[in-house]
């Protein structure tokens, strides 16, 4: 399962946000990891990945020290790193 929560905890045009979304994102991934691990113990391995922007601002609005414990892969979306095209 790939979670593509574009901008957790970040205000911006066109997407609603709440200040607590930074922690909500981590909580969502923790809950999914617990359930995926339970599934693996029953013989069905599931992978958890996230897609996120590569900018400093996006990374600052996530709890990457915690998030990295819960995901198998982080897919960095760097196509607009130096500006929107």
PDB file of N, CA and C in Angstrom:
ATOM      1  N   UNK A   1       0.853  -1.166   0.000  1.00  0.00           N
ATOM      2  CA  UNK A   1       0.000   0.000   0.000  1.00  0.00           C
ATOM      3  C   UNK A   1       0.900   1.230   0.000  1.00  0.00           C
ATOM      4  N   UNK A   2       0.651   2.129  -0.934  1.00  0.00           N
ATOM      5  CA  UNK A   2       1.417   3.367  -1.016  1.00  0.00           C
ATOM      6  C   UNK A   2       0.543   4.518  -0.539  1.00  0.00           C
ATOM      7  N   UNK A   3       0.966   5.178   0.521  1.00  0.00           N
ATOM      8  CA  UNK A   3       0.250   6.328   1.057  1.00  0.00           C
ATOM      9  C   UNK A   3       0.837   7.588   0.426  1.00  0.00           C
ATOM     10  N   UNK A   4      -0.016   8.346  -0.238  1.00  0.00           N
ATOM     11  CA  UNK A   4       0.415   9.571  -0.908  1.00  0.00           C
ATOM     12  C   UNK A   4      -0.328  10.752  -0.288  1.00  0.00           C
ATOM     13  N   UNK A   5       0.014  11.058   0.948  1.00  0.00           N
ATOM     14  CA  UNK A   5      -0.560  12.217   1.651  1.00  0.00           C
ATOM     15  C   UNK A   5       0.387  13.359   1.334  1.00  0.00           C
ATOM     16  N   UNK A   6       0.055  14.113   0.329  1.00  0.00           N
ATOM     17  CA  UNK A   6       0.983  15.071  -0.270  1.00  0.00           C
ATOM     18  C   UNK A   6       1.660  16.024   0.713  1.00  0.00           C
ATOM     19  N   UNK A   7       0.896  16.680   1.566  1.00  0.00           N
ATOM     20  CA  UNK A   7       1.482  17.724   2.406  1.00  0.00           C
ATOM     21  C   UNK A   7       0.962  17.652   3.842  1.00  0.00           C
ATOM     22  N   UNK A   8       1.291  16.619   4.590  1.00  0.00           N
ATOM     23  CA  UNK A   8       0.777  16.553   5.964  1.00  0.00           C
ATOM     24  C   UNK A   8       1.273  17.730   6.802  1.00  0.00           C
ATOM     25  N   UNK A   9       0.333  18.412   7.442  1.00  0.00           N
ATOM     26  CA  UNK A   9       0.701  19.505   8.331  1.00  0.00           C
ATOM     27  C   UNK A   9       1.118  20.796   7.666  1.00  0.00           C
ATOM     28  N   UNK A  10       0.950  20.888   6.353  1.00  0.00           N
ATOM     29  CA  UNK A  10       1.396  22.089   5.632  1.00  0.00           C
ATOM     30  C   UNK A  10       0.208  22.840   5.049  1.00  0.00           C
ATOM     31  N   UNK A  11       0.118  24.136   5.311  1.00  0.00           N
ATOM     32  CA  UNK A  11      -0.925  24.925   4.659  1.00  0.00           C
ATOM     33  C   UNK A  11      -0.589  25.111   3.188  1.00  0.00           C
ATOM     34  N   UNK A  12      -1.616  25.280   2.400  1.00  0.00           N
ATOM     35  CA  UNK A  12      -1.363  25.516   0.992  1.00  0.00           C
ATOM     36  C   UNK A  12      -2.644  25.705   0.218  1.00  0.00           C
ATOM     37  N   UNK A  13      -2.496  26.208  -0.956  1.00  0.00           N
ATOM     38  CA  UNK A  13      -3.625  26.442  -1.833  1.00  0.00           C
ATOM     39  C   UNK A  13      -4.193  25.119  -2.320  1.00  0.00           C
ATOM     40  N   UNK A  14      -5.480  24.944  -2.155  1.00  0.00           N
ATOM     41  CA  UNK A  14      -6.130  23.780  -2.740  1.00  0.00           C
ATOM     42  C   UNK A  14      -6.135  22.520  -1.903  1.00  0.00           C
ATOM     43  N   UNK A  15      -5.579  22.539  -0.729  1.00  0.00           N
ATOM     44  CA  UNK A  15      -5.670  21.341   0.106  1.00  0.00           C
ATOM     45  C   UNK A  15      -5.908  21.730   1.567  1.00  0.00           C
ATOM     46  N   UNK A  16      -6.911  21.107   2.175  1.00  0.00           N
ATOM     47  CA  UNK A  16      -7.175  21.397   3.588  1.00  0.00           C
ATOM     48  C   UNK A  16      -6.096  20.767   4.462  1.00  0.00           C
ATOM     49  N   UNK A  17      -5.867  21.357   5.618  1.00  0.00           N
ATOM     50  CA  UNK A  17      -4.892  20.789   6.539  1.00  0.00           C
ATOM     51  C   UNK A  17      -5.269  21.179   7.955  1.00  0.00           C
ATOM     52  N   UNK A  18      -4.728  20.448   8.889  1.00  0.00           N
ATOM     53  CA  UNK A  18      -4.850  20.780  10.302  1.00  0.00           C
ATOM     54  C   UNK A  18      -3.453  20.705  10.891  1.00  0.00           C
ATOM     55  N   UNK A  19      -3.185  21.530  11.875  1.00  0.00           N
ATOM     56  CA  UNK A  19      -1.850  21.570  12.485  1.00  0.00           C
ATOM     57  C   UNK A  19      -1.434  20.205  13.015  1.00  0.00           C
ATOM     58  N   UNK A  20      -2.381  19.430  13.511  1.00  0.00           N
ATOM     59  CA  UNK A  20      -2.056  18.115  14.075  1.00  0.00           C
ATOM     60  C   UNK A  20      -1.840  17.034  13.016  1.00  0.00           C
ATOM     61  N   UNK A  21      -1.950  17.376  11.736  1.00  0.00           N
ATOM     62  CA  UNK A  21      -1.756  16.372  10.684  1.00  0.00           C
ATOM     63  C   UNK A  21      -0.339  15.815  10.651  1.00  0.00           C
ATOM     64  N   UNK A  22       0.629  16.572  11.109  1.00  0.00           N
ATOM     65  CA  UNK A  22       2.001  16.049  11.196  1.00  0.00           C
ATOM     66  C   UNK A  22       2.007  14.787  12.058  1.00  0.00           C
ATOM     67  N   UNK A  23       1.376  14.860  13.206  1.00  0.00           N
ATOM     68  CA  UNK A  23       1.296  13.708  14.109  1.00  0.00           C
ATOM     69  C   UNK A  23       0.288  12.676  13.600  1.00  0.00           C
ATOM     70  N   UNK A  24      -0.799  13.137  12.957  1.00  0.00           N
ATOM     71  CA  UNK A  24      -1.788  12.204  12.408  1.00  0.00           C
ATOM     72  C   UNK A  24      -1.170  11.306  11.342  1.00  0.00           C
ATOM     73  N   UNK A  25      -0.297  11.861  10.530  1.00  0.00           N
ATOM     74  CA  UNK A  25       0.392  11.091   9.494  1.00  0.00           C
ATOM     75  C   UNK A  25       1.206   9.969  10.132  1.00  0.00           C
ATOM     76  N   UNK A  26       1.958  10.305  11.159  1.00  0.00           N
ATOM     77  CA  UNK A  26       2.751   9.299  11.876  1.00  0.00           C
ATOM     78  C   UNK A  26       1.844   8.253  12.502  1.00  0.00           C
ATOM     79  N   UNK A  27       0.758   8.677  13.109  1.00  0.00           N
ATOM     80  CA  UNK A  27      -0.180   7.742  13.751  1.00  0.00           C
ATOM     81  C   UNK A  27      -0.800   6.790  12.741  1.00  0.00           C
ATOM     82  N   UNK A  28      -1.168   7.316  11.582  1.00  0.00           N
ATOM     83  CA  UNK A  28      -1.728   6.470  10.527  1.00  0.00           C
ATOM     84  C   UNK A  28      -0.736   5.388  10.124  1.00  0.00           C
ATOM     85  N   UNK A  29       0.507   5.776   9.903  1.00  0.00           N
ATOM     86  CA  UNK A  29       1.528   4.812   9.483  1.00  0.00           C
ATOM     87  C   UNK A  29       1.820   3.794  10.578  1.00  0.00           C
ATOM     88  N   UNK A  30       1.843   4.222  11.828  1.00  0.00           N
ATOM     89  CA  UNK A  30       2.075   3.307  12.949  1.00  0.00           C
ATOM     90  C   UNK A  30       0.953   2.260  13.022  1.00  0.00           C
ATOM     91  N   UNK A  31      -0.285   2.710  12.902  1.00  0.00           N
ATOM     92  CA  UNK A  31      -1.434   1.798  12.948  1.00  0.00           C
ATOM     93  C   UNK A  31      -1.399   0.809  11.787  1.00  0.00           C
ATOM     94  N   UNK A  32      -1.112   1.312  10.591  1.00  0.00           N
ATOM     95  CA  UNK A  32      -1.016   0.411   9.437  1.00  0.00           C
ATOM     96  C   UNK A  32       0.107  -0.602   9.624  1.00  0.00           C
ATOM     97  N   UNK A  33       1.265  -0.171  10.118  1.00  0.00           N
ATOM     98  CA  UNK A  33       2.395  -1.078  10.339  1.00  0.00           C
ATOM     99  C   UNK A  33       2.005  -2.176  11.317  1.00  0.00           C
ATOM    100  N   UNK A  34       1.320  -1.828  12.399  1.00  0.00           N
ATOM    101  CA  UNK A  34       0.897  -2.835  13.378  1.00  0.00           C
ATOM    102  C   UNK A  34      -0.016  -3.863  12.732  1.00  0.00           C
ATOM    103  N   UNK A  35      -0.943  -3.405  11.933  1.00  0.00           N
ATOM    104  CA  UNK A  35      -1.871  -4.335  11.269  1.00  0.00           C
ATOM    105  C   UNK A  35      -1.173  -5.147  10.178  1.00  0.00           C
ATOM    106  N   UNK A  36      -0.264  -4.529   9.452  1.00  0.00           N
ATOM    107  CA  UNK A  36       0.482  -5.258   8.427  1.00  0.00           C
ATOM    108  C   UNK A  36       1.368  -6.321   9.063  1.00  0.00           C
ATOM    109  N   UNK A  37       1.983  -6.002  10.189  1.00  0.00           N
ATOM    110  CA  UNK A  37       2.812  -6.991  10.886  1.00  0.00           C
ATOM    111  C   UNK A  37       1.968  -8.153  11.384  1.00  0.00           C
ATOM    112  N   UNK A  38       0.763  -7.872  11.859  1.00  0.00           N
ATOM    113  CA  UNK A  38      -0.145  -8.940  12.287  1.00  0.00           C
ATOM    114  C   UNK A  38      -0.515  -9.820  11.099  1.00  0.00           C
ATOM    115  N   UNK A  39      -0.733  -9.213   9.951  1.00  0.00           N
ATOM    116  CA  UNK A  39      -1.033  -9.969   8.741  1.00  0.00           C
ATOM    117  C   UNK A  39       0.147 -10.856   8.343  1.00  0.00           C
ATOM    118  N   UNK A  40       1.353 -10.339   8.491  1.00  0.00           N
ATOM    119  CA  UNK A  40       2.555 -11.115   8.151  1.00  0.00           C
ATOM    120  C   UNK A  40       2.681 -12.337   9.053  1.00  0.00           C
ATOM    121  N   UNK A  41       2.302 -12.204  10.313  1.00  0.00           N
ATOM    122  CA  UNK A  41       2.361 -13.354  11.227  1.00  0.00           C
ATOM    123  C   UNK A  41       1.372 -14.440  10.821  1.00  0.00           C
ATOM    124  N   UNK A  42       0.356 -14.065  10.062  1.00  0.00           N
ATOM    125  CA  UNK A  42      -0.615 -15.037   9.553  1.00  0.00           C
ATOM    126  C   UNK A  42      -0.239 -15.519   8.150  1.00  0.00           C
ATOM    127  N   UNK A  43       0.941 -15.106   7.678  1.00  0.00           N
ATOM    128  CA  UNK A  43       1.433 -15.598   6.397  1.00  0.00           C
ATOM    129  C   UNK A  43       1.192 -14.687   5.209  1.00  0.00           C
ATOM    130  N   UNK A  44       0.665 -13.513   5.431  1.00  0.00           N
ATOM    131  CA  UNK A  44       0.423 -12.587   4.315  1.00  0.00           C
ATOM    132  C   UNK A  44       1.212 -11.304   4.531  1.00  0.00           C
ATOM    133  N   UNK A  45       2.345 -11.172   3.856  1.00  0.00           N
ATOM    134  CA  UNK A  45       3.238 -10.017   3.994  1.00  0.00           C
ATOM    135  C   UNK A  45       2.724  -8.871   3.143  1.00  0.00           C
ATOM    136  N   UNK A  46       2.528  -7.732   3.767  1.00  0.00           N
ATOM    137  CA  UNK A  46       2.108  -6.524   3.070  1.00  0.00           C
ATOM    138  C   UNK A  46       3.202  -5.473   3.206  1.00  0.00           C
ATOM    139  N   UNK A  47       3.378  -4.675   2.183  1.00  0.00           N
ATOM    140  CA  UNK A  47       4.392  -3.628   2.194  1.00  0.00           C
ATOM    141  C   UNK A  47       3.722  -2.268   2.346  1.00  0.00           C
ATOM    142  N   UNK A  48       4.356  -1.408   3.117  1.00  0.00           N
ATOM    143  CA  UNK A  48       3.850  -0.061   3.345  1.00  0.00           C
ATOM    144  C   UNK A  48       4.877   0.932   2.820  1.00  0.00           C
ATOM    145  N   UNK A  49       4.460   1.752   1.876  1.00  0.00           N
ATOM    146  CA  UNK A  49       5.343   2.759   1.302  1.00  0.00           C
ATOM    147  C   UNK A  49       4.649   4.119   1.370  1.00  0.00           C
ATOM    148  N   UNK A  50       5.447   5.163   1.292  1.00  0.00           N
ATOM    149  CA  UNK A  50       4.887   6.511   1.222  1.00  0.00           C
ATOM    150  C   UNK A  50       5.527   7.254   0.061  1.00  0.00           C
ATOM    151  N   UNK A  51       4.764   8.176  -0.505  1.00  0.00           N
ATOM    152  CA  UNK A  51       5.277   9.105  -1.509  1.00  0.00           C
ATOM    153  C   UNK A  51       5.232  10.480  -0.872  1.00  0.00           C
ATOM    154  N   UNK A  52       6.326  11.194  -0.949  1.00  0.00           N
ATOM    155  CA  UNK A  52       6.368  12.529  -0.348  1.00  0.00           C
ATOM    156  C   UNK A  52       7.330  13.421  -1.106  1.00  0.00           C
ATOM    157  N   UNK A  53       7.110  14.725  -0.970  1.00  0.00           N
ATOM    158  CA  UNK A  53       7.999  15.695  -1.588  1.00  0.00           C
ATOM    159  C   UNK A  53       9.384  15.640  -0.964  1.00  0.00           C
ATOM    160  N   UNK A  54      10.354  16.134  -1.693  1.00  0.00           N
ATOM    161  CA  UNK A  54      11.744  16.067  -1.232  1.00  0.00           C
ATOM    162  C   UNK A  54      12.247  17.393  -0.666  1.00  0.00           C
ATOM    163  N   UNK A  55      11.397  18.406  -0.613  1.00  0.00           N
ATOM    164  CA  UNK A  55      11.863  19.715  -0.138  1.00  0.00           C
ATOM    165  C   UNK A  55      12.066  19.714   1.374  1.00  0.00           C
ATOM    166  N   UNK A  56      12.890  20.628   1.829  1.00  0.00           N
ATOM    167  CA  UNK A  56      13.123  20.775   3.270  1.00  0.00           C
ATOM    168  C   UNK A  56      11.826  21.052   4.013  1.00  0.00           C
ATOM    169  N   UNK A  57      10.953  21.852   3.413  1.00  0.00           N
ATOM    170  CA  UNK A  57       9.690  22.211   4.062  1.00  0.00           C
ATOM    171  C   UNK A  57       8.795  20.987   4.266  1.00  0.00           C
ATOM    172  N   UNK A  58       8.697  20.144   3.260  1.00  0.00           N
ATOM    173  CA  UNK A  58       7.883  18.926   3.382  1.00  0.00           C
ATOM    174  C   UNK A  58       8.468  18.019   4.452  1.00  0.00           C
ATOM    175  N   UNK A  59       9.752  17.818   4.424  1.00  0.00           N
ATOM    176  CA  UNK A  59      10.402  16.941   5.399  1.00  0.00           C
ATOM    177  C   UNK A  59      10.253  17.506   6.812  1.00  0.00           C
ATOM    178  N   UNK A  60      10.340  18.823   6.960  1.00  0.00           N
ATOM    179  CA  UNK A  60      10.186  19.449   8.278  1.00  0.00           C
ATOM    180  C   UNK A  60       8.777  19.283   8.834  1.00  0.00           C
ATOM    181  N   UNK A  61       7.797  19.071   7.961  1.00  0.00           N
ATOM    182  CA  UNK A  61       6.416  18.914   8.400  1.00  0.00           C
ATOM    183  C   UNK A  61       6.003  17.459   8.544  1.00  0.00           C
ATOM    184  N   UNK A  62       6.976  16.584   8.627  1.00  0.00           N
ATOM    185  CA  UNK A  62       6.727  15.179   8.955  1.00  0.00           C
ATOM    186  C   UNK A  62       7.651  14.802  10.107  1.00  0.00           C
ATOM    187  N   UNK A  63       7.345  13.716  10.745  1.00  0.00           N
ATOM    188  CA  UNK A  63       8.190  13.210  11.828  1.00  0.00           C
ATOM    189  C   UNK A  63       9.028  12.054  11.279  1.00  0.00           C
ATOM    190  N   UNK A  64       9.946  12.381  10.375  1.00  0.00           N
ATOM    191  CA  UNK A  64      10.683  11.335   9.661  1.00  0.00           C
ATOM    192  C   UNK A  64      11.448  10.389  10.578  1.00  0.00           C
ATOM    193  N   UNK A  65      11.928  10.855  11.709  1.00  0.00           N
ATOM    194  CA  UNK A  65      12.624   9.947  12.637  1.00  0.00           C
ATOM    195  C   UNK A  65      11.695   8.832  13.100  1.00  0.00           C
ATOM    196  N   UNK A  66      10.412   9.136  13.224  1.00  0.00           N
ATOM    197  CA  UNK A  66       9.427   8.128  13.614  1.00  0.00           C
ATOM    198  C   UNK A  66       8.886   7.393  12.394  1.00  0.00           C
ATOM    199  N   UNK A  67       8.547   8.151  11.357  1.00  0.00           N
ATOM    200  CA  UNK A  67       7.939   7.591  10.157  1.00  0.00           C
ATOM    201  C   UNK A  67       8.793   6.475   9.563  1.00  0.00           C
ATOM    202  N   UNK A  68      10.100   6.671   9.516  1.00  0.00           N
ATOM    203  CA  UNK A  68      10.974   5.678   8.877  1.00  0.00           C
ATOM    204  C   UNK A  68      10.919   4.318   9.560  1.00  0.00           C
ATOM    205  N   UNK A  69      10.495   4.271  10.816  1.00  0.00           N
ATOM    206  CA  UNK A  69      10.354   2.983  11.512  1.00  0.00           C
ATOM    207  C   UNK A  69       9.196   2.159  10.972  1.00  0.00           C
ATOM    208  N   UNK A  70       8.215   2.819  10.393  1.00  0.00           N
ATOM    209  CA  UNK A  70       6.968   2.155  10.030  1.00  0.00           C
ATOM    210  C   UNK A  70       6.845   1.793   8.558  1.00  0.00           C
ATOM    211  N   UNK A  71       7.662   2.385   7.706  1.00  0.00           N
ATOM    212  CA  UNK A  71       7.505   2.154   6.267  1.00  0.00           C
ATOM    213  C   UNK A  71       8.629   1.285   5.714  1.00  0.00           C
ATOM    214  N   UNK A  72       8.301   0.597   4.621  1.00  0.00           N
ATOM    215  CA  UNK A  72       9.306  -0.213   3.936  1.00  0.00           C
ATOM    216  C   UNK A  72      10.105   0.628   2.946  1.00  0.00           C
ATOM    217  N   UNK A  73       9.436   1.597   2.323  1.00  0.00           N
ATOM    218  CA  UNK A  73      10.079   2.416   1.297  1.00  0.00           C
ATOM    219  C   UNK A  73       9.508   3.825   1.323  1.00  0.00           C
ATOM    220  N   UNK A  74      10.378   4.807   1.069  1.00  0.00           N
ATOM    221  CA  UNK A  74       9.950   6.192   0.877  1.00  0.00           C
ATOM    222  C   UNK A  74      10.249   6.552  -0.570  1.00  0.00           C
ATOM    223  N   UNK A  75       9.214   6.921  -1.312  1.00  0.00           N
ATOM    224  CA  UNK A  75       9.377   7.368  -2.692  1.00  0.00           C
ATOM    225  C   UNK A  75       9.382   8.891  -2.691  1.00  0.00           C
ATOM    226  N   UNK A  76      10.517   9.488  -3.014  1.00  0.00           N
ATOM    227  CA  UNK A  76      10.625  10.946  -3.015  1.00  0.00           C
ATOM    228  C   UNK A  76      10.180  11.517  -4.352  1.00  0.00           C
ATOM    229  N   UNK A  77       9.242  12.438  -4.287  1.00  0.00           N
ATOM    230  CA  UNK A  77       8.749  13.116  -5.488  1.00  0.00           C
ATOM    231  C   UNK A  77       9.562  14.394  -5.642  1.00  0.00           C
ATOM    232  N   UNK A  78      10.564  14.350  -6.476  1.00  0.00           N
ATOM    233  CA  UNK A  78      11.468  15.494  -6.623  1.00  0.00           C
ATOM    234  C   UNK A  78      11.267  16.237  -7.937  1.00  0.00           C
ATOM    235  N   UNK A  79      10.193  15.933  -8.633  1.00  0.00           N
ATOM    236  CA  UNK A  79       9.996  16.541  -9.946  1.00  0.00           C
ATOM    237  C   UNK A  79       9.767  18.050  -9.883  1.00  0.00           C
ATOM    238  N   UNK A  80       9.323  18.587  -8.723  1.00  0.00           N
ATOM    239  CA  UNK A  80       9.150  20.034  -8.619  1.00  0.00           C
ATOM    240  C   UNK A  80      10.031  20.632  -7.517  1.00  0.00           C
ATOM    241  N   UNK A  81      11.157  20.009  -7.270  1.00  0.00           N
ATOM    242  CA  UNK A  81      12.052  20.427  -6.202  1.00  0.00           C
ATOM    243  C   UNK A  81      12.533  21.865  -6.384  1.00  0.00           C
ATOM    244  N   UNK A  82      12.790  22.265  -7.617  1.00  0.00           N
ATOM    245  CA  UNK A  82      13.309  23.606  -7.890  1.00  0.00           C
ATOM    246  C   UNK A  82      12.262  24.547  -8.472  1.00  0.00           C
ATOM    247  N   UNK A  83      10.990  24.169  -8.376  1.00  0.00           N
ATOM    248  CA  UNK A  83       9.919  25.045  -8.838  1.00  0.00           C
ATOM    249  C   UNK A  83       8.845  24.276  -9.571  1.00  0.00           C
ATOM    250  N   UNK A  84       7.660  24.853  -9.598  1.00  0.00           N
ATOM    251  CA  UNK A  84       6.545  24.226 -10.320  1.00  0.00           C
ATOM    252  C   UNK A  84       6.704  24.512 -11.809  1.00  0.00           C
ATOM    253  N   UNK A  85       6.599  23.506 -12.606  1.00  0.00           N
ATOM    254  CA  UNK A  85       6.776  23.692 -14.049  1.00  0.00           C
ATOM    255  C   UNK A  85       5.449  23.553 -14.696  1.00  0.00           C
TER     256      UNK A  85
END
